[in-house]
Amino acid sequence: MDDSWKKGDISKLYASSWAAIYFLMDTQAGRSLLKNIMLAEQEFLCNKLSEKQLKTMIYKQFPNLNREYSKRLKKPLKAHIF
């Protein structure tokens, strides 16, 4: 969210963003979600997705997001090859 960047530790926010993208790129379901987010953003170029829209998309694809994300963070990193 916009306010988080103004108040937070930017290096931690970038690290968190990197980890989220790594998680999404690690599975077909994650890549599909990322694609759907980008397509939704392209529908109305001057408007960003609302928090509610984004959460709906995420939890539809990953109903157990917190558990899956925590589980993935405990595994060793590997290079993504596409």
N, C-alpha and C. Protein backbone atom coordinates (compact mmCIF):
# COMPACT_ATOMS: atom_id res chain seq x y z
N MET A 1 0.84 -1.17 0.00
CA MET A 1 0.00 0.00 0.00
C MET A 1 0.90 1.25 0.00
N ASP A 2 0.40 2.29 -0.56
CA ASP A 2 1.19 3.52 -0.71
C ASP A 2 1.77 4.02 0.61
N ASP A 3 0.98 4.03 1.67
CA ASP A 3 1.45 4.56 2.95
C ASP A 3 2.58 3.72 3.55
N SER A 4 2.60 2.42 3.28
CA SER A 4 3.64 1.55 3.81
C SER A 4 5.02 1.98 3.33
N TRP A 5 5.11 2.38 2.08
CA TRP A 5 6.40 2.77 1.51
C TRP A 5 6.91 4.06 2.14
N LYS A 6 6.02 4.91 2.56
CA LYS A 6 6.44 6.18 3.15
C LYS A 6 6.99 5.99 4.56
N LYS A 7 6.47 5.02 5.29
CA LYS A 7 6.83 4.85 6.70
C LYS A 7 7.82 3.72 6.96
N GLY A 8 7.86 2.74 6.10
CA GLY A 8 8.60 1.52 6.39
C GLY A 8 10.06 1.54 6.03
N ASP A 9 10.71 0.45 6.40
CA ASP A 9 12.10 0.21 6.02
C ASP A 9 12.07 -0.27 4.58
N ILE A 10 12.48 0.59 3.66
CA ILE A 10 12.34 0.30 2.23
C ILE A 10 13.08 -0.98 1.85
N SER A 11 14.24 -1.24 2.42
CA SER A 11 14.97 -2.45 2.05
C SER A 11 14.18 -3.71 2.44
N LYS A 12 13.49 -3.67 3.57
CA LYS A 12 12.66 -4.81 3.97
C LYS A 12 11.44 -4.94 3.06
N LEU A 13 10.88 -3.82 2.64
CA LEU A 13 9.73 -3.87 1.75
C LEU A 13 10.13 -4.45 0.39
N TYR A 14 11.30 -4.07 -0.13
CA TYR A 14 11.77 -4.64 -1.39
C TYR A 14 12.06 -6.13 -1.24
N ALA A 15 12.65 -6.52 -0.12
CA ALA A 15 12.93 -7.94 0.12
C ALA A 15 11.63 -8.74 0.19
N SER A 16 10.63 -8.18 0.85
CA SER A 16 9.33 -8.83 0.95
C SER A 16 8.68 -8.96 -0.43
N SER A 17 8.79 -7.92 -1.24
CA SER A 17 8.25 -7.96 -2.60
C SER A 17 8.95 -9.01 -3.43
N TRP A 18 10.28 -9.09 -3.30
CA TRP A 18 11.04 -10.09 -4.03
C TRP A 18 10.59 -11.48 -3.64
N ALA A 19 10.41 -11.72 -2.33
CA ALA A 19 9.99 -13.04 -1.86
C ALA A 19 8.60 -13.40 -2.38
N ALA A 20 7.71 -12.42 -2.44
CA ALA A 20 6.35 -12.68 -2.94
C ALA A 20 6.39 -13.05 -4.42
N ILE A 21 7.17 -12.32 -5.22
CA ILE A 21 7.28 -12.63 -6.64
C ILE A 21 7.96 -13.99 -6.84
N TYR A 22 8.98 -14.28 -6.06
CA TYR A 22 9.63 -15.59 -6.14
C TYR A 22 8.61 -16.69 -5.86
N PHE A 23 7.81 -16.51 -4.83
CA PHE A 23 6.77 -17.49 -4.49
C PHE A 23 5.80 -17.68 -5.66
N LEU A 24 5.35 -16.59 -6.25
CA LEU A 24 4.40 -16.69 -7.36
C LEU A 24 5.04 -17.35 -8.59
N MET A 25 6.27 -17.06 -8.87
CA MET A 25 6.93 -17.61 -10.05
C MET A 25 7.34 -19.07 -9.86
N ASP A 26 7.23 -19.58 -8.65
CA ASP A 26 7.69 -20.93 -8.33
C ASP A 26 6.70 -22.02 -8.75
N THR A 27 5.45 -21.65 -9.01
CA THR A 27 4.44 -22.66 -9.37
C THR A 27 3.60 -22.17 -10.54
N GLN A 28 2.98 -23.11 -11.21
CA GLN A 28 2.08 -22.76 -12.31
C GLN A 28 0.92 -21.91 -11.78
N ALA A 29 0.38 -22.27 -10.62
CA ALA A 29 -0.72 -21.50 -10.03
C ALA A 29 -0.30 -20.06 -9.74
N GLY A 30 0.91 -19.90 -9.24
CA GLY A 30 1.42 -18.55 -8.96
C GLY A 30 1.64 -17.74 -10.22
N ARG A 31 2.21 -18.38 -11.24
CA ARG A 31 2.43 -17.67 -12.50
C ARG A 31 1.09 -17.28 -13.12
N SER A 32 0.10 -18.15 -13.00
CA SER A 32 -1.23 -17.84 -13.52
C SER A 32 -1.84 -16.66 -12.78
N LEU A 33 -1.69 -16.62 -11.47
CA LEU A 33 -2.20 -15.50 -10.68
C LEU A 33 -1.52 -14.20 -11.08
N LEU A 34 -0.21 -14.22 -11.20
CA LEU A 34 0.52 -13.02 -11.59
C LEU A 34 0.06 -12.53 -12.97
N LYS A 35 -0.14 -13.45 -13.89
CA LYS A 35 -0.65 -13.09 -15.22
C LYS A 35 -2.04 -12.45 -15.11
N ASN A 36 -2.91 -13.05 -14.30
CA ASN A 36 -4.26 -12.52 -14.14
C ASN A 36 -4.26 -11.13 -13.50
N ILE A 37 -3.36 -10.90 -12.57
CA ILE A 37 -3.25 -9.58 -11.95
C ILE A 37 -2.83 -8.55 -13.00
N MET A 38 -1.83 -8.91 -13.80
CA MET A 38 -1.37 -7.97 -14.84
C MET A 38 -2.45 -7.70 -15.87
N LEU A 39 -3.20 -8.73 -16.26
CA LEU A 39 -4.29 -8.53 -17.21
C LEU A 39 -5.38 -7.64 -16.62
N ALA A 40 -5.71 -7.84 -15.34
CA ALA A 40 -6.72 -7.01 -14.69
C ALA A 40 -6.27 -5.57 -14.60
N GLU A 41 -4.99 -5.35 -14.33
CA GLU A 41 -4.47 -3.98 -14.27
C GLU A 41 -4.52 -3.29 -15.63
N GLN A 42 -4.40 -4.06 -16.70
CA GLN A 42 -4.42 -3.48 -18.04
C GLN A 42 -5.82 -3.04 -18.47
N GLU A 43 -6.84 -3.57 -17.83
CA GLU A 43 -8.21 -3.20 -18.20
C GLU A 43 -8.48 -1.72 -17.96
N PHE A 44 -7.96 -1.19 -16.86
CA PHE A 44 -8.15 0.22 -16.52
C PHE A 44 -6.78 0.79 -16.16
N LEU A 45 -6.06 1.23 -17.17
CA LEU A 45 -4.65 1.59 -17.00
C LEU A 45 -4.41 2.70 -15.98
N CYS A 46 -5.33 3.60 -15.80
CA CYS A 46 -5.11 4.72 -14.88
C CYS A 46 -5.55 4.41 -13.45
N ASN A 47 -6.11 3.24 -13.22
CA ASN A 47 -6.58 2.86 -11.88
C ASN A 47 -5.85 1.60 -11.41
N LYS A 48 -5.37 1.64 -10.18
CA LYS A 48 -4.76 0.43 -9.65
C LYS A 48 -5.84 -0.45 -9.04
N LEU A 49 -5.56 -1.74 -8.91
CA LEU A 49 -6.51 -2.66 -8.30
C LEU A 49 -6.70 -2.29 -6.84
N SER A 50 -7.91 -2.45 -6.37
CA SER A 50 -8.16 -2.18 -4.95
C SER A 50 -7.63 -3.34 -4.11
N GLU A 51 -7.45 -3.09 -2.84
CA GLU A 51 -7.00 -4.14 -1.93
C GLU A 51 -7.97 -5.31 -1.97
N LYS A 52 -9.26 -5.01 -1.99
CA LYS A 52 -10.29 -6.07 -2.02
C LYS A 52 -10.19 -6.90 -3.30
N GLN A 53 -10.02 -6.24 -4.45
CA GLN A 53 -9.88 -6.96 -5.72
C GLN A 53 -8.67 -7.89 -5.69
N LEU A 54 -7.56 -7.36 -5.22
CA LEU A 54 -6.33 -8.14 -5.18
C LEU A 54 -6.45 -9.33 -4.23
N LYS A 55 -7.00 -9.09 -3.04
CA LYS A 55 -7.18 -10.19 -2.09
C LYS A 55 -8.11 -11.27 -2.65
N THR A 56 -9.17 -10.86 -3.33
CA THR A 56 -10.09 -11.83 -3.93
C THR A 56 -9.36 -12.70 -4.94
N MET A 57 -8.56 -12.09 -5.78
CA MET A 57 -7.80 -12.84 -6.78
C MET A 57 -6.79 -13.78 -6.13
N ILE A 58 -6.10 -13.30 -5.12
CA ILE A 58 -5.06 -14.10 -4.46
C ILE A 58 -5.68 -15.30 -3.75
N TYR A 59 -6.71 -15.06 -2.93
CA TYR A 59 -7.27 -16.15 -2.14
C TYR A 59 -8.10 -17.12 -2.96
N LYS A 60 -8.53 -16.71 -4.16
CA LYS A 60 -9.19 -17.64 -5.07
C LYS A 60 -8.16 -18.66 -5.56
N GLN A 61 -6.97 -18.18 -5.90
CA GLN A 61 -5.91 -19.05 -6.40
C GLN A 61 -5.19 -19.78 -5.27
N PHE A 62 -5.05 -19.13 -4.12
CA PHE A 62 -4.33 -19.70 -2.98
C PHE A 62 -5.18 -19.57 -1.71
N PRO A 63 -6.18 -20.46 -1.53
CA PRO A 63 -7.04 -20.35 -0.34
C PRO A 63 -6.28 -20.49 0.98
N ASN A 64 -5.16 -21.20 0.95
CA ASN A 64 -4.33 -21.39 2.15
C ASN A 64 -3.01 -20.64 2.00
N LEU A 65 -3.10 -19.40 1.54
CA LEU A 65 -1.90 -18.62 1.20
C LEU A 65 -0.89 -18.56 2.34
N ASN A 66 -1.31 -18.21 3.54
CA ASN A 66 -0.35 -18.04 4.64
C ASN A 66 0.42 -19.33 4.89
N ARG A 67 -0.27 -20.45 4.91
CA ARG A 67 0.39 -21.73 5.16
C ARG A 67 1.35 -22.08 4.01
N GLU A 68 0.88 -21.93 2.77
CA GLU A 68 1.71 -22.25 1.60
C GLU A 68 2.93 -21.35 1.50
N TYR A 69 2.73 -20.05 1.77
CA TYR A 69 3.84 -19.09 1.68
C TYR A 69 4.88 -19.38 2.76
N SER A 70 4.44 -19.61 3.98
CA SER A 70 5.37 -19.92 5.07
C SER A 70 6.14 -21.20 4.79
N LYS A 71 5.44 -22.19 4.27
CA LYS A 71 6.07 -23.47 3.94
C LYS A 71 7.14 -23.28 2.87
N ARG A 72 6.85 -22.47 1.84
CA ARG A 72 7.80 -22.25 0.75
C ARG A 72 9.03 -21.48 1.22
N LEU A 73 8.83 -20.53 2.14
CA LEU A 73 9.97 -19.75 2.63
C LEU A 73 10.97 -20.59 3.42
N LYS A 74 10.54 -21.74 3.91
CA LYS A 74 11.43 -22.61 4.68
C LYS A 74 12.26 -23.53 3.79
N LYS A 75 11.91 -23.61 2.50
CA LYS A 75 12.65 -24.45 1.57
C LYS A 75 13.83 -23.67 0.98
N PRO A 76 14.85 -24.38 0.53
CA PRO A 76 15.97 -23.68 -0.11
C PRO A 76 15.53 -23.02 -1.43
N LEU A 77 16.17 -21.92 -1.74
CA LEU A 77 15.89 -21.23 -3.00
C LEU A 77 16.53 -22.00 -4.15
N LYS A 78 15.88 -21.94 -5.29
CA LYS A 78 16.43 -22.54 -6.50
C LYS A 78 16.25 -21.55 -7.64
N ALA A 79 17.07 -21.66 -8.64
CA ALA A 79 16.95 -20.77 -9.78
C ALA A 79 15.69 -21.13 -10.57
N HIS A 80 14.97 -20.13 -10.97
CA HIS A 80 13.81 -20.35 -11.83
C HIS A 80 14.27 -20.36 -13.29
N ILE A 81 13.86 -21.37 -14.01
CA ILE A 81 14.21 -21.47 -15.41
C ILE A 81 12.91 -21.59 -16.20
N PHE A 82 12.73 -20.68 -17.16
CA PHE A 82 11.49 -20.66 -17.94
C PHE A 82 11.79 -20.84 -19.40
